[in-house]
Amino acid sequence: MLFGHAWRRDGIVYHVGVGPIVTNPATTVRDEKRSVGGWLFNGGYYLSGVGVGVSAERDLHVSRKTYALVEVEFTAGNAWAVPIANGYAEVPNLALHFHIGLGHYF
Protein backbone atom coordinates (compact mmCIF):
# COMPACT_ATOMS: atom_id res chain seq x y z
CA MET A 1 0.00 0.00 0.00
CA LEU A 2 1.46 3.33 -1.07
CA PHE A 3 0.40 6.73 0.20
CA GLY A 4 0.99 9.43 -2.35
CA HIS A 5 -0.03 12.30 -4.51
CA ALA A 6 -1.23 12.59 -8.10
CA TRP A 7 -1.48 15.54 -10.43
CA ARG A 8 -2.55 16.12 -14.04
CA ARG A 9 -0.45 18.03 -16.55
CA ASP A 10 -1.00 18.18 -20.32
CA GLY A 11 -3.44 15.25 -20.27
CA ILE A 12 -1.16 12.90 -18.31
CA VAL A 13 -1.71 11.94 -14.65
CA TYR A 14 1.50 11.55 -12.64
CA HIS A 15 1.63 9.64 -9.36
CA VAL A 16 4.29 9.38 -6.64
CA GLY A 17 3.93 7.34 -3.46
CA VAL A 18 5.70 5.80 -0.52
CA GLY A 19 4.54 3.20 1.98
CA PRO A 20 5.35 0.37 4.34
CA ILE A 21 6.19 -3.18 3.32
CA VAL A 22 4.29 -5.68 5.44
CA THR A 23 5.48 -9.30 5.17
CA ASN A 24 4.04 -12.63 6.27
CA PRO A 25 6.99 -14.96 5.78
CA ALA A 26 6.36 -18.68 5.91
CA THR A 27 9.93 -19.88 5.45
CA THR A 28 12.02 -22.99 5.67
CA VAL A 29 15.77 -22.38 5.61
CA ARG A 30 18.13 -25.34 5.77
CA ASP A 31 15.22 -27.52 6.96
CA GLU A 32 14.43 -25.11 9.82
CA LYS A 33 10.94 -23.61 9.84
CA ARG A 34 10.08 -20.21 11.21
CA SER A 35 7.31 -20.39 13.77
CA VAL A 36 4.04 -18.67 12.94
CA GLY A 37 3.23 -15.51 14.82
CA GLY A 38 4.06 -11.87 14.76
CA TRP A 39 3.23 -8.58 16.30
CA LEU A 40 0.82 -7.13 13.71
CA PHE A 41 -2.74 -8.50 14.00
CA ASN A 42 -1.19 -11.51 15.80
CA GLY A 43 -1.15 -13.35 12.50
CA GLY A 44 2.46 -13.49 11.42
CA TYR A 45 2.61 -10.04 9.81
CA TYR A 46 5.71 -7.86 10.21
CA LEU A 47 6.58 -4.31 9.27
CA SER A 48 9.73 -5.09 7.27
CA GLY A 49 10.69 -2.15 5.08
CA VAL A 50 9.62 0.65 2.78
CA GLY A 51 8.54 0.92 -0.86
CA VAL A 52 8.19 3.75 -3.39
CA GLY A 53 6.40 4.06 -6.70
CA VAL A 54 6.15 6.52 -9.60
CA SER A 55 3.80 6.29 -12.56
CA ALA A 56 2.32 8.12 -15.53
CA GLU A 57 -1.22 7.51 -16.80
CA ARG A 58 -3.01 8.59 -19.95
CA ASP A 59 -6.81 8.58 -20.22
CA LEU A 60 -8.26 7.90 -23.69
CA HIS A 61 -11.90 8.94 -24.04
CA VAL A 62 -14.10 6.26 -25.61
CA SER A 63 -17.38 8.14 -25.18
CA ARG A 64 -18.67 11.12 -23.21
CA LYS A 65 -18.59 9.23 -19.88
CA THR A 66 -16.35 6.22 -20.60
CA TYR A 67 -12.58 6.16 -20.98
CA ALA A 68 -9.74 3.70 -21.29
CA LEU A 69 -6.56 4.23 -19.33
CA VAL A 70 -2.99 3.20 -20.00
CA GLU A 71 -0.40 3.47 -17.24
CA VAL A 72 3.26 2.63 -16.78
CA GLU A 73 4.57 2.36 -13.21
CA PHE A 74 7.95 1.73 -11.62
CA THR A 75 8.10 0.43 -8.04
CA ALA A 76 11.05 -0.22 -5.77
CA GLY A 77 11.17 -1.64 -2.29
CA ASN A 78 13.54 -3.05 0.24
CA ALA A 79 12.40 -5.28 3.07
CA TRP A 80 15.43 -5.56 5.35
CA ALA A 81 13.86 -7.09 8.43
CA VAL A 82 12.05 -10.20 7.16
CA PRO A 83 12.16 -12.82 9.93
CA ILE A 84 13.31 -16.28 8.90
CA ALA A 85 14.51 -19.27 10.92
CA ASN A 86 17.44 -18.16 13.10
CA GLY A 87 17.72 -14.66 11.63
CA TYR A 88 16.48 -12.09 9.19
CA ALA A 89 16.56 -11.71 5.41
CA GLU A 90 16.84 -8.70 3.14
CA VAL A 91 14.50 -8.77 0.14
CA PRO A 92 14.99 -6.02 -2.47
CA ASN A 93 12.52 -5.65 -5.35
CA LEU A 94 12.43 -3.53 -8.50
CA ALA A 95 9.45 -3.83 -10.85
CA LEU A 96 8.03 -2.27 -13.99
CA HIS A 97 4.23 -2.50 -14.40
CA PHE A 98 1.92 -1.80 -17.33
CA HIS A 99 -1.77 -1.27 -16.58
CA ILE A 100 -4.76 -0.94 -18.87
CA GLY A 101 -8.33 -0.48 -17.80
CA LEU A 102 -11.75 1.04 -18.34
CA GLY A 103 -13.32 3.83 -16.35
CA HIS A 104 -16.72 5.47 -16.24
CA TYR A 105 -17.79 8.86 -14.90
CA PHE A 106 -20.98 8.67 -12.80
PDB file of N, CA and C in Angstrom:
ATOM      1  N   MET A   1       0.851  -1.159   0.000  1.00  0.00           N
ATOM      2  CA  MET A   1       0.000   0.000   0.000  1.00  0.00           C
ATOM      3  C   MET A   1       0.900   1.226   0.000  1.00  0.00           C
ATOM      4  N   LEU A   2       0.677   2.104  -0.969  1.00  0.00           N
ATOM      5  CA  LEU A   2       1.459   3.333  -1.066  1.00  0.00           C
ATOM      6  C   LEU A   2       0.562   4.536  -0.789  1.00  0.00           C
ATOM      7  N   PHE A   3       1.086   5.468  -0.060  1.00  0.00           N
ATOM      8  CA  PHE A   3       0.405   6.730   0.197  1.00  0.00           C
ATOM      9  C   PHE A   3       1.092   7.774  -0.667  1.00  0.00           C
ATOM     10  N   GLY A   4       0.317   8.528  -1.434  1.00  0.00           N
ATOM     11  CA  GLY A   4       0.992   9.428  -2.349  1.00  0.00           C
ATOM     12  C   GLY A   4       0.146  10.575  -2.819  1.00  0.00           C
ATOM     13  N   HIS A   5       0.591  11.121  -3.920  1.00  0.00           N
ATOM     14  CA  HIS A   5      -0.029  12.298  -4.509  1.00  0.00           C
ATOM     15  C   HIS A   5      -0.070  12.105  -6.024  1.00  0.00           C
ATOM     16  N   ALA A   6      -1.103  12.643  -6.645  1.00  0.00           N
ATOM     17  CA  ALA A   6      -1.227  12.588  -8.099  1.00  0.00           C
ATOM     18  C   ALA A   6      -1.578  13.972  -8.610  1.00  0.00           C
ATOM     19  N   TRP A   7      -1.124  14.292  -9.808  1.00  0.00           N
ATOM     20  CA  TRP A   7      -1.477  15.542 -10.433  1.00  0.00           C
ATOM     21  C   TRP A   7      -1.545  15.337 -11.945  1.00  0.00           C
ATOM     22  N   ARG A   8      -2.342  16.208 -12.596  1.00  0.00           N
ATOM     23  CA  ARG A   8      -2.555  16.118 -14.039  1.00  0.00           C
ATOM     24  C   ARG A   8      -1.856  17.302 -14.708  1.00  0.00           C
ATOM     25  N   ARG A   9      -1.109  16.983 -15.772  1.00  0.00           N
ATOM     26  CA  ARG A   9      -0.450  18.026 -16.552  1.00  0.00           C
ATOM     27  C   ARG A   9      -0.443  17.589 -18.016  1.00  0.00           C
ATOM     28  N   ASP A  10      -0.964  18.427 -18.869  1.00  0.00           N
ATOM     29  CA  ASP A  10      -0.997  18.179 -20.318  1.00  0.00           C
ATOM     30  C   ASP A  10      -1.632  16.835 -20.670  1.00  0.00           C
ATOM     31  N   GLY A  11      -2.710  16.459 -19.973  1.00  0.00           N
ATOM     32  CA  GLY A  11      -3.439  15.245 -20.272  1.00  0.00           C
ATOM     33  C   GLY A  11      -2.847  13.968 -19.698  1.00  0.00           C
ATOM     34  N   ILE A  12      -1.780  14.066 -18.932  1.00  0.00           N
ATOM     35  CA  ILE A  12      -1.155  12.899 -18.312  1.00  0.00           C
ATOM     36  C   ILE A  12      -1.262  13.045 -16.797  1.00  0.00           C
ATOM     37  N   VAL A  13      -1.624  11.954 -16.113  1.00  0.00           N
ATOM     38  CA  VAL A  13      -1.710  11.945 -14.648  1.00  0.00           C
ATOM     39  C   VAL A  13      -0.436  11.305 -14.112  1.00  0.00           C
ATOM     40  N   TYR A  14       0.269  12.042 -13.269  1.00  0.00           N
ATOM     41  CA  TYR A  14       1.499  11.555 -12.642  1.00  0.00           C
ATOM     42  C   TYR A  14       1.207  11.191 -11.190  1.00  0.00           C
ATOM     43  N   HIS A  15       1.800  10.099 -10.734  1.00  0.00           N
ATOM     44  CA  HIS A  15       1.626   9.640  -9.363  1.00  0.00           C
ATOM     45  C   HIS A  15       3.002   9.426  -8.731  1.00  0.00           C
ATOM     46  N   VAL A  16       3.128   9.765  -7.451  1.00  0.00           N
ATOM     47  CA  VAL A  16       4.294   9.376  -6.643  1.00  0.00           C
ATOM     48  C   VAL A  16       3.758   8.883  -5.304  1.00  0.00           C
ATOM     49  N   GLY A  17       4.401   7.873  -4.737  1.00  0.00           N
ATOM     50  CA  GLY A  17       3.928   7.341  -3.464  1.00  0.00           C
ATOM     51  C   GLY A  17       5.021   6.634  -2.699  1.00  0.00           C
ATOM     52  N   VAL A  18       4.789   6.502  -1.418  1.00  0.00           N
ATOM     53  CA  VAL A  18       5.700   5.798  -0.518  1.00  0.00           C
ATOM     54  C   VAL A  18       4.843   5.070   0.512  1.00  0.00           C
ATOM     55  N   GLY A  19       5.330   3.932   0.994  1.00  0.00           N
ATOM     56  CA  GLY A  19       4.545   3.201   1.977  1.00  0.00           C
ATOM     57  C   GLY A  19       5.310   2.060   2.607  1.00  0.00           C
ATOM     58  N   PRO A  20       4.703   1.472   3.616  1.00  0.00           N
ATOM     59  CA  PRO A  20       5.352   0.371   4.339  1.00  0.00           C
ATOM     60  C   PRO A  20       5.283  -0.936   3.563  1.00  0.00           C
ATOM     61  N   ILE A  21       6.235  -1.809   3.822  1.00  0.00           N
ATOM     62  CA  ILE A  21       6.193  -3.177   3.316  1.00  0.00           C
ATOM     63  C   ILE A  21       5.853  -4.069   4.502  1.00  0.00           C
ATOM     64  N   VAL A  22       4.733  -4.764   4.389  1.00  0.00           N
ATOM     65  CA  VAL A  22       4.293  -5.684   5.436  1.00  0.00           C
ATOM     66  C   VAL A  22       4.467  -7.099   4.893  1.00  0.00           C
ATOM     67  N   THR A  23       5.203  -7.933   5.619  1.00  0.00           N
ATOM     68  CA  THR A  23       5.480  -9.297   5.166  1.00  0.00           C
ATOM     69  C   THR A  23       4.786 -10.311   6.071  1.00  0.00           C
ATOM     70  N   ASN A  24       4.565 -11.483   5.522  1.00  0.00           N
ATOM     71  CA  ASN A  24       4.041 -12.626   6.269  1.00  0.00           C
ATOM     72  C   ASN A  24       4.851 -13.837   5.822  1.00  0.00           C
ATOM     73  N   PRO A  25       6.102 -13.924   6.282  1.00  0.00           N
ATOM     74  CA  PRO A  25       6.993 -14.961   5.777  1.00  0.00           C
ATOM     75  C   PRO A  25       6.716 -16.331   6.387  1.00  0.00           C
ATOM     76  N   ALA A  26       6.452 -17.276   5.520  1.00  0.00           N
ATOM     77  CA  ALA A  26       6.360 -18.682   5.908  1.00  0.00           C
ATOM     78  C   ALA A  26       7.573 -19.342   5.273  1.00  0.00           C
ATOM     79  N   THR A  27       8.661 -19.462   6.034  1.00  0.00           N
ATOM     80  CA  THR A  27       9.934 -19.878   5.448  1.00  0.00           C
ATOM     81  C   THR A  27      10.460 -21.171   6.044  1.00  0.00           C
ATOM     82  N   THR A  28      11.213 -21.864   5.216  1.00  0.00           N
ATOM     83  CA  THR A  28      12.020 -22.995   5.665  1.00  0.00           C
ATOM     84  C   THR A  28      13.419 -22.768   5.109  1.00  0.00           C
ATOM     85  N   VAL A  29      14.387 -22.614   5.997  1.00  0.00           N
ATOM     86  CA  VAL A  29      15.770 -22.375   5.614  1.00  0.00           C
ATOM     87  C   VAL A  29      16.619 -23.484   6.205  1.00  0.00           C
ATOM     88  N   ARG A  30      17.303 -24.218   5.337  1.00  0.00           N
ATOM     89  CA  ARG A  30      18.132 -25.344   5.768  1.00  0.00           C
ATOM     90  C   ARG A  30      17.342 -26.291   6.686  1.00  0.00           C
ATOM     91  N   ASP A  31      16.139 -26.621   6.244  1.00  0.00           N
ATOM     92  CA  ASP A  31      15.223 -27.521   6.962  1.00  0.00           C
ATOM     93  C   ASP A  31      14.760 -26.996   8.316  1.00  0.00           C
ATOM     94  N   GLU A  32      14.943 -25.714   8.592  1.00  0.00           N
ATOM     95  CA  GLU A  32      14.430 -25.108   9.824  1.00  0.00           C
ATOM     96  C   GLU A  32      13.282 -24.189   9.463  1.00  0.00           C
ATOM     97  N   LYS A  33      12.128 -24.413  10.104  1.00  0.00           N
ATOM     98  CA  LYS A  33      10.944 -23.610   9.837  1.00  0.00           C
ATOM     99  C   LYS A  33      10.848 -22.470  10.835  1.00  0.00           C
ATOM    100  N   ARG A  34      10.353 -21.352  10.339  1.00  0.00           N
ATOM    101  CA  ARG A  34      10.082 -20.208  11.208  1.00  0.00           C
ATOM    102  C   ARG A  34       8.707 -20.402  11.815  1.00  0.00           C
ATOM    103  N   SER A  35       8.593 -20.206  13.101  1.00  0.00           N
ATOM    104  CA  SER A  35       7.311 -20.387  13.768  1.00  0.00           C
ATOM    105  C   SER A  35       6.345 -19.282  13.355  1.00  0.00           C
ATOM    106  N   VAL A  36       5.072 -19.617  13.325  1.00  0.00           N
ATOM    107  CA  VAL A  36       4.036 -18.669  12.937  1.00  0.00           C
ATOM    108  C   VAL A  36       3.780 -17.736  14.104  1.00  0.00           C
ATOM    109  N   GLY A  37       3.511 -16.523  13.804  1.00  0.00           N
ATOM    110  CA  GLY A  37       3.230 -15.514  14.821  1.00  0.00           C
ATOM    111  C   GLY A  37       3.833 -14.210  14.390  1.00  0.00           C
ATOM    112  N   GLY A  38       3.535 -13.186  15.099  1.00  0.00           N
ATOM    113  CA  GLY A  38       4.060 -11.870  14.762  1.00  0.00           C
ATOM    114  C   GLY A  38       3.302 -10.820  15.517  1.00  0.00           C
ATOM    115  N   TRP A  39       3.805  -9.632  15.456  1.00  0.00           N
ATOM    116  CA  TRP A  39       3.235  -8.582  16.303  1.00  0.00           C
ATOM    117  C   TRP A  39       2.026  -7.905  15.672  1.00  0.00           C
ATOM    118  N   LEU A  40       1.899  -7.873  14.353  1.00  0.00           N
ATOM    119  CA  LEU A  40       0.818  -7.134  13.711  1.00  0.00           C
ATOM    120  C   LEU A  40      -0.385  -8.048  13.483  1.00  0.00           C
ATOM    121  N   PHE A  41      -1.491  -7.734  14.083  1.00  0.00           N
ATOM    122  CA  PHE A  41      -2.739  -8.498  13.997  1.00  0.00           C
ATOM    123  C   PHE A  41      -2.568  -9.917  14.544  1.00  0.00           C
ATOM    124  N   ASN A  42      -1.482 -10.198  15.216  1.00  0.00           N
ATOM    125  CA  ASN A  42      -1.192 -11.508  15.800  1.00  0.00           C
ATOM    126  C   ASN A  42      -1.328 -12.630  14.778  1.00  0.00           C
ATOM    127  N   GLY A  43      -0.984 -12.341  13.529  1.00  0.00           N
ATOM    128  CA  GLY A  43      -1.154 -13.349  12.496  1.00  0.00           C
ATOM    129  C   GLY A  43       0.087 -13.581  11.667  1.00  0.00           C
ATOM    130  N   GLY A  44       1.238 -13.243  12.171  1.00  0.00           N
ATOM    131  CA  GLY A  44       2.462 -13.485  11.421  1.00  0.00           C
ATOM    132  C   GLY A  44       2.866 -12.364  10.502  1.00  0.00           C
ATOM    133  N   TYR A  45       2.278 -11.181  10.653  1.00  0.00           N
ATOM    134  CA  TYR A  45       2.613 -10.042   9.811  1.00  0.00           C
ATOM    135  C   TYR A  45       3.672  -9.186  10.487  1.00  0.00           C
ATOM    136  N   TYR A  46       4.608  -8.679   9.687  1.00  0.00           N
ATOM    137  CA  TYR A  46       5.708  -7.865  10.206  1.00  0.00           C
ATOM    138  C   TYR A  46       5.901  -6.633   9.337  1.00  0.00           C
ATOM    139  N   LEU A  47       6.175  -5.512   9.975  1.00  0.00           N
ATOM    140  CA  LEU A  47       6.584  -4.309   9.270  1.00  0.00           C
ATOM    141  C   LEU A  47       8.059  -4.497   8.946  1.00  0.00           C
ATOM    142  N   SER A  48       8.398  -4.635   7.655  1.00  0.00           N
ATOM    143  CA  SER A  48       9.735  -5.086   7.272  1.00  0.00           C
ATOM    144  C   SER A  48      10.528  -4.125   6.407  1.00  0.00           C
ATOM    145  N   GLY A  49       9.931  -3.053   5.929  1.00  0.00           N
ATOM    146  CA  GLY A  49      10.688  -2.153   5.075  1.00  0.00           C
ATOM    147  C   GLY A  49       9.825  -1.050   4.503  1.00  0.00           C
ATOM    148  N   VAL A  50      10.306  -0.471   3.407  1.00  0.00           N
ATOM    149  CA  VAL A  50       9.624   0.653   2.778  1.00  0.00           C
ATOM    150  C   VAL A  50       9.672   0.483   1.261  1.00  0.00           C
ATOM    151  N   GLY A  51       8.614   0.974   0.593  1.00  0.00           N
ATOM    152  CA  GLY A  51       8.542   0.923  -0.861  1.00  0.00           C
ATOM    153  C   GLY A  51       8.153   2.271  -1.431  1.00  0.00           C
ATOM    154  N   VAL A  52       8.522   2.509  -2.688  1.00  0.00           N
ATOM    155  CA  VAL A  52       8.185   3.748  -3.388  1.00  0.00           C
ATOM    156  C   VAL A  52       7.669   3.397  -4.776  1.00  0.00           C
ATOM    157  N   GLY A  53       6.908   4.280  -5.349  1.00  0.00           N
ATOM    158  CA  GLY A  53       6.401   4.062  -6.699  1.00  0.00           C
ATOM    159  C   GLY A  53       6.195   5.373  -7.423  1.00  0.00           C
ATOM    160  N   VAL A  54       6.417   5.369  -8.730  1.00  0.00           N
ATOM    161  CA  VAL A  54       6.149   6.518  -9.599  1.00  0.00           C
ATOM    162  C   VAL A  54       5.456   5.980 -10.844  1.00  0.00           C
ATOM    163  N   SER A  55       4.502   6.749 -11.367  1.00  0.00           N
ATOM    164  CA  SER A  55       3.796   6.294 -12.559  1.00  0.00           C
ATOM    165  C   SER A  55       3.288   7.469 -13.373  1.00  0.00           C
ATOM    166  N   ALA A  56       2.947   7.159 -14.626  1.00  0.00           N
ATOM    167  CA  ALA A  56       2.321   8.119 -15.527  1.00  0.00           C
ATOM    168  C   ALA A  56       1.156   7.410 -16.205  1.00  0.00           C
ATOM    169  N   GLU A  57       0.026   8.101 -16.271  1.00  0.00           N
ATOM    170  CA  GLU A  57      -1.217   7.510 -16.800  1.00  0.00           C
ATOM    171  C   GLU A  57      -1.816   8.432 -17.846  1.00  0.00           C
ATOM    172  N   ARG A  58      -2.329   7.839 -18.898  1.00  0.00           N
ATOM    173  CA  ARG A  58      -3.009   8.594 -19.945  1.00  0.00           C
ATOM    174  C   ARG A  58      -4.431   8.057 -20.086  1.00  0.00           C
ATOM    175  N   ASP A  59      -5.412   8.953 -20.030  1.00  0.00           N
ATOM    176  CA  ASP A  59      -6.815   8.579 -20.223  1.00  0.00           C
ATOM    177  C   ASP A  59      -7.193   8.812 -21.676  1.00  0.00           C
ATOM    178  N   LEU A  60      -7.820   7.815 -22.300  1.00  0.00           N
ATOM    179  CA  LEU A  60      -8.260   7.902 -23.690  1.00  0.00           C
ATOM    180  C   LEU A  60      -9.781   7.814 -23.705  1.00  0.00           C
ATOM    181  N   HIS A  61     -10.443   8.894 -24.089  1.00  0.00           N
ATOM    182  CA  HIS A  61     -11.903   8.940 -24.039  1.00  0.00           C
ATOM    183  C   HIS A  61     -12.516   8.072 -25.128  1.00  0.00           C
ATOM    184  N   VAL A  62     -13.389   7.153 -24.708  1.00  0.00           N
ATOM    185  CA  VAL A  62     -14.102   6.258 -25.613  1.00  0.00           C
ATOM    186  C   VAL A  62     -15.456   6.860 -25.966  1.00  0.00           C
ATOM    187  N   SER A  63     -16.118   7.442 -24.982  1.00  0.00           N
ATOM    188  CA  SER A  63     -17.381   8.145 -25.183  1.00  0.00           C
ATOM    189  C   SER A  63     -17.414   9.306 -24.189  1.00  0.00           C
ATOM    190  N   ARG A  64     -18.566   9.953 -24.090  1.00  0.00           N
ATOM    191  CA  ARG A  64     -18.668  11.115 -23.214  1.00  0.00           C
ATOM    192  C   ARG A  64     -18.373  10.782 -21.750  1.00  0.00           C
ATOM    193  N   LYS A  65     -18.771   9.593 -21.279  1.00  0.00           N
ATOM    194  CA  LYS A  65     -18.587   9.227 -19.879  1.00  0.00           C
ATOM    195  C   LYS A  65     -17.670   8.024 -19.669  1.00  0.00           C
ATOM    196  N   THR A  66     -17.180   7.418 -20.716  1.00  0.00           N
ATOM    197  CA  THR A  66     -16.350   6.221 -20.597  1.00  0.00           C
ATOM    198  C   THR A  66     -14.965   6.508 -21.167  1.00  0.00           C
ATOM    199  N   TYR A  67     -13.952   5.965 -20.519  1.00  0.00           N
ATOM    200  CA  TYR A  67     -12.581   6.158 -20.981  1.00  0.00           C
ATOM    201  C   TYR A  67     -11.764   4.893 -20.729  1.00  0.00           C
ATOM    202  N   ALA A  68     -10.735   4.748 -21.505  1.00  0.00           N
ATOM    203  CA  ALA A  68      -9.738   3.699 -21.287  1.00  0.00           C
ATOM    204  C   ALA A  68      -8.510   4.379 -20.697  1.00  0.00           C
ATOM    205  N   LEU A  69      -7.776   3.655 -19.873  1.00  0.00           N
ATOM    206  CA  LEU A  69      -6.556   4.233 -19.329  1.00  0.00           C
ATOM    207  C   LEU A  69      -5.385   3.301 -19.587  1.00  0.00           C
ATOM    208  N   VAL A  70      -4.247   3.913 -19.801  1.00  0.00           N
ATOM    209  CA  VAL A  70      -2.992   3.201 -20.001  1.00  0.00           C
ATOM    210  C   VAL A  70      -1.999   3.820 -19.021  1.00  0.00           C
ATOM    211  N   GLU A  71      -1.315   2.962 -18.263  1.00  0.00           N
ATOM    212  CA  GLU A  71      -0.403   3.472 -17.242  1.00  0.00           C
ATOM    213  C   GLU A  71       0.880   2.642 -17.239  1.00  0.00           C
ATOM    214  N   VAL A  72       1.986   3.302 -17.008  1.00  0.00           N
ATOM    215  CA  VAL A  72       3.261   2.631 -16.778  1.00  0.00           C
ATOM    216  C   VAL A  72       3.726   3.060 -15.381  1.00  0.00           C
ATOM    217  N   GLU A  73       4.190   2.096 -14.598  1.00  0.00           N
ATOM    218  CA  GLU A  73       4.565   2.358 -13.210  1.00  0.00           C
ATOM    219  C   GLU A  73       5.875   1.648 -12.882  1.00  0.00           C
ATOM    220  N   PHE A  74       6.712   2.317 -12.126  1.00  0.00           N
ATOM    221  CA  PHE A  74       7.949   1.726 -11.618  1.00  0.00           C
ATOM    222  C   PHE A  74       7.856   1.709 -10.096  1.00  0.00           C
ATOM    223  N   THR A  75       8.098   0.536  -9.497  1.00  0.00           N
ATOM    224  CA  THR A  75       8.098   0.433  -8.041  1.00  0.00           C
ATOM    225  C   THR A  75       9.433  -0.140  -7.575  1.00  0.00           C
ATOM    226  N   ALA A  76       9.821   0.277  -6.389  1.00  0.00           N
ATOM    227  CA  ALA A  76      11.048  -0.223  -5.773  1.00  0.00           C
ATOM    228  C   ALA A  76      10.788  -0.372  -4.288  1.00  0.00           C
ATOM    229  N   GLY A  77      11.331  -1.421  -3.723  1.00  0.00           N
ATOM    230  CA  GLY A  77      11.167  -1.641  -2.294  1.00  0.00           C
ATOM    231  C   GLY A  77      12.330  -2.426  -1.737  1.00  0.00           C
ATOM    232  N   ASN A  78      12.515  -2.276  -0.445  1.00  0.00           N
ATOM    233  CA  ASN A  78      13.535  -3.052   0.238  1.00  0.00           C
ATOM    234  C   ASN A  78      13.004  -3.447   1.605  1.00  0.00           C
ATOM    235  N   ALA A  79      12.802  -4.743   1.775  1.00  0.00           N
ATOM    236  CA  ALA A  79      12.398  -5.284   3.073  1.00  0.00           C
ATOM    237  C   ALA A  79      13.661  -5.845   3.715  1.00  0.00           C
ATOM    238  N   TRP A  80      14.146  -5.182   4.745  1.00  0.00           N
ATOM    239  CA  TRP A  80      15.427  -5.562   5.347  1.00  0.00           C
ATOM    240  C   TRP A  80      15.275  -6.277   6.680  1.00  0.00           C
ATOM    241  N   ALA A  81      14.068  -6.461   7.126  1.00  0.00           N
ATOM    242  CA  ALA A  81      13.865  -7.090   8.433  1.00  0.00           C
ATOM    243  C   ALA A  81      12.828  -8.207   8.329  1.00  0.00           C
ATOM    244  N   VAL A  82      12.983  -9.092   7.350  1.00  0.00           N
ATOM    245  CA  VAL A  82      12.050 -10.198   7.159  1.00  0.00           C
ATOM    246  C   VAL A  82      12.505 -11.366   8.032  1.00  0.00           C
ATOM    247  N   PRO A  83      11.722 -11.741   9.042  1.00  0.00           N
ATOM    248  CA  PRO A  83      12.157 -12.816   9.932  1.00  0.00           C
ATOM    249  C   PRO A  83      12.121 -14.179   9.240  1.00  0.00           C
ATOM    250  N   ILE A  84      13.210 -14.901   9.380  1.00  0.00           N
ATOM    251  CA  ILE A  84      13.314 -16.276   8.902  1.00  0.00           C
ATOM    252  C   ILE A  84      13.865 -17.107  10.052  1.00  0.00           C
ATOM    253  N   ALA A  85      13.977 -18.401   9.870  1.00  0.00           N
ATOM    254  CA  ALA A  85      14.512 -19.271  10.921  1.00  0.00           C
ATOM    255  C   ALA A  85      15.925 -18.820  11.296  1.00  0.00           C
ATOM    256  N   ASN A  86      16.138 -18.550  12.557  1.00  0.00           N
ATOM    257  CA  ASN A  86      17.444 -18.158  13.098  1.00  0.00           C
ATOM    258  C   ASN A  86      18.016 -16.889  12.486  1.00  0.00           C
ATOM    259  N   GLY A  87      17.179 -15.920  12.141  1.00  0.00           N
ATOM    260  CA  GLY A  87      17.723 -14.662  11.634  1.00  0.00           C
ATOM    261  C   GLY A  87      16.724 -13.852  10.851  1.00  0.00           C
ATOM    262  N   TYR A  88      17.274 -12.994  10.019  1.00  0.00           N
ATOM    263  CA  TYR A  88      16.479 -12.092   9.194  1.00  0.00           C
ATOM    264  C   TYR A  88      17.022 -12.103   7.776  1.00  0.00           C
ATOM    265  N   ALA A  89      16.166 -11.773   6.813  1.00  0.00           N
ATOM    266  CA  ALA A  89      16.561 -11.711   5.408  1.00  0.00           C
ATOM    267  C   ALA A  89      16.308 -10.310   4.875  1.00  0.00           C
ATOM    268  N   GLU A  90      17.077  -9.942   3.868  1.00  0.00           N
ATOM    269  CA  GLU A  90      16.845  -8.700   3.138  1.00  0.00           C
ATOM    270  C   GLU A  90      16.285  -9.074   1.773  1.00  0.00           C
ATOM    271  N   VAL A  91      15.188  -8.419   1.385  1.00  0.00           N
ATOM    272  CA  VAL A  91      14.502  -8.774   0.143  1.00  0.00           C
ATOM    273  C   VAL A  91      14.271  -7.509  -0.685  1.00  0.00           C
ATOM    274  N   PRO A  92      15.195  -7.182  -1.591  1.00  0.00           N
ATOM    275  CA  PRO A  92      14.987  -6.023  -2.468  1.00  0.00           C
ATOM    276  C   PRO A  92      14.095  -6.393  -3.645  1.00  0.00           C
ATOM    277  N   ASN A  93      13.393  -5.400  -4.203  1.00  0.00           N
ATOM    278  CA  ASN A  93      12.522  -5.650  -5.345  1.00  0.00           C
ATOM    279  C   ASN A  93      12.446  -4.406  -6.211  1.00  0.00           C
ATOM    280  N   LEU A  94      12.653  -4.571  -7.500  1.00  0.00           N
ATOM    281  CA  LEU A  94      12.432  -3.531  -8.504  1.00  0.00           C
ATOM    282  C   LEU A  94      11.454  -4.093  -9.512  1.00  0.00           C
ATOM    283  N   ALA A  95      10.455  -3.297  -9.916  1.00  0.00           N
ATOM    284  CA  ALA A  95       9.451  -3.826 -10.845  1.00  0.00           C
ATOM    285  C   ALA A  95       8.943  -2.730 -11.769  1.00  0.00           C
ATOM    286  N   LEU A  96       8.640  -3.136 -13.004  1.00  0.00           N
ATOM    287  CA  LEU A  96       8.030  -2.265 -13.991  1.00  0.00           C
ATOM    288  C   LEU A  96       6.658  -2.854 -14.319  1.00  0.00           C
ATOM    289  N   HIS A  97       5.612  -2.037 -14.208  1.00  0.00           N
ATOM    290  CA  HIS A  97       4.234  -2.496 -14.398  1.00  0.00           C
ATOM    291  C   HIS A  97       3.597  -1.742 -15.561  1.00  0.00           C
ATOM    292  N   PHE A  98       2.748  -2.427 -16.298  1.00  0.00           N
ATOM    293  CA  PHE A  98       1.921  -1.802 -17.329  1.00  0.00           C
ATOM    294  C   PHE A  98       0.473  -2.124 -16.994  1.00  0.00           C
ATOM    295  N   HIS A  99      -0.361  -1.088 -16.928  1.00  0.00           N
ATOM    296  CA  HIS A  99      -1.770  -1.273 -16.583  1.00  0.00           C
ATOM    297  C   HIS A  99      -2.643  -0.732 -17.703  1.00  0.00           C
ATOM    298  N   ILE A 100      -3.724  -1.441 -17.982  1.00  0.00           N
ATOM    299  CA  ILE A 100      -4.764  -0.937 -18.870  1.00  0.00           C
ATOM    300  C   ILE A 100      -6.094  -1.173 -18.172  1.00  0.00           C
ATOM    301  N   GLY A 101      -7.047  -0.324 -18.447  1.00  0.00           N
ATOM    302  CA  GLY A 101      -8.331  -0.484 -17.796  1.00  0.00           C
ATOM    303  C   GLY A 101      -9.399   0.386 -18.411  1.00  0.00           C
ATOM    304  N   LEU A 102     -10.614   0.221 -17.925  1.00  0.00           N
ATOM    305  CA  LEU A 102     -11.749   1.038 -18.343  1.00  0.00           C
ATOM    306  C   LEU A 102     -12.283   1.805 -17.155  1.00  0.00           C
ATOM    307  N   GLY A 103     -12.718   3.016 -17.397  1.00  0.00           N
ATOM    308  CA  GLY A 103     -13.324   3.828 -16.352  1.00  0.00           C
ATOM    309  C   GLY A 103     -14.619   4.446 -16.843  1.00  0.00           C
ATOM    310  N   HIS A 104     -15.440   4.849 -15.893  1.00  0.00           N
ATOM    311  CA  HIS A 104     -16.721   5.466 -16.243  1.00  0.00           C
ATOM    312  C   HIS A 104     -17.010   6.572 -15.244  1.00  0.00           C
ATOM    313  N   TYR A 105     -17.395   7.729 -15.755  1.00  0.00           N
ATOM    314  CA  TYR A 105     -17.794   8.857 -14.903  1.00  0.00           C
ATOM    315  C   TYR A 105     -19.258   8.689 -14.531  1.00  0.00           C
ATOM    316  N   PHE A 106     -19.583   8.784 -13.247  1.00  0.00           N
ATOM    317  CA  PHE A 106     -20.976   8.675 -12.799  1.00  0.00           C
ATOM    318  C   PHE A 106     -21.534  10.032 -12.474  1.00  0.00           C
TER     319      PHE A 106
END
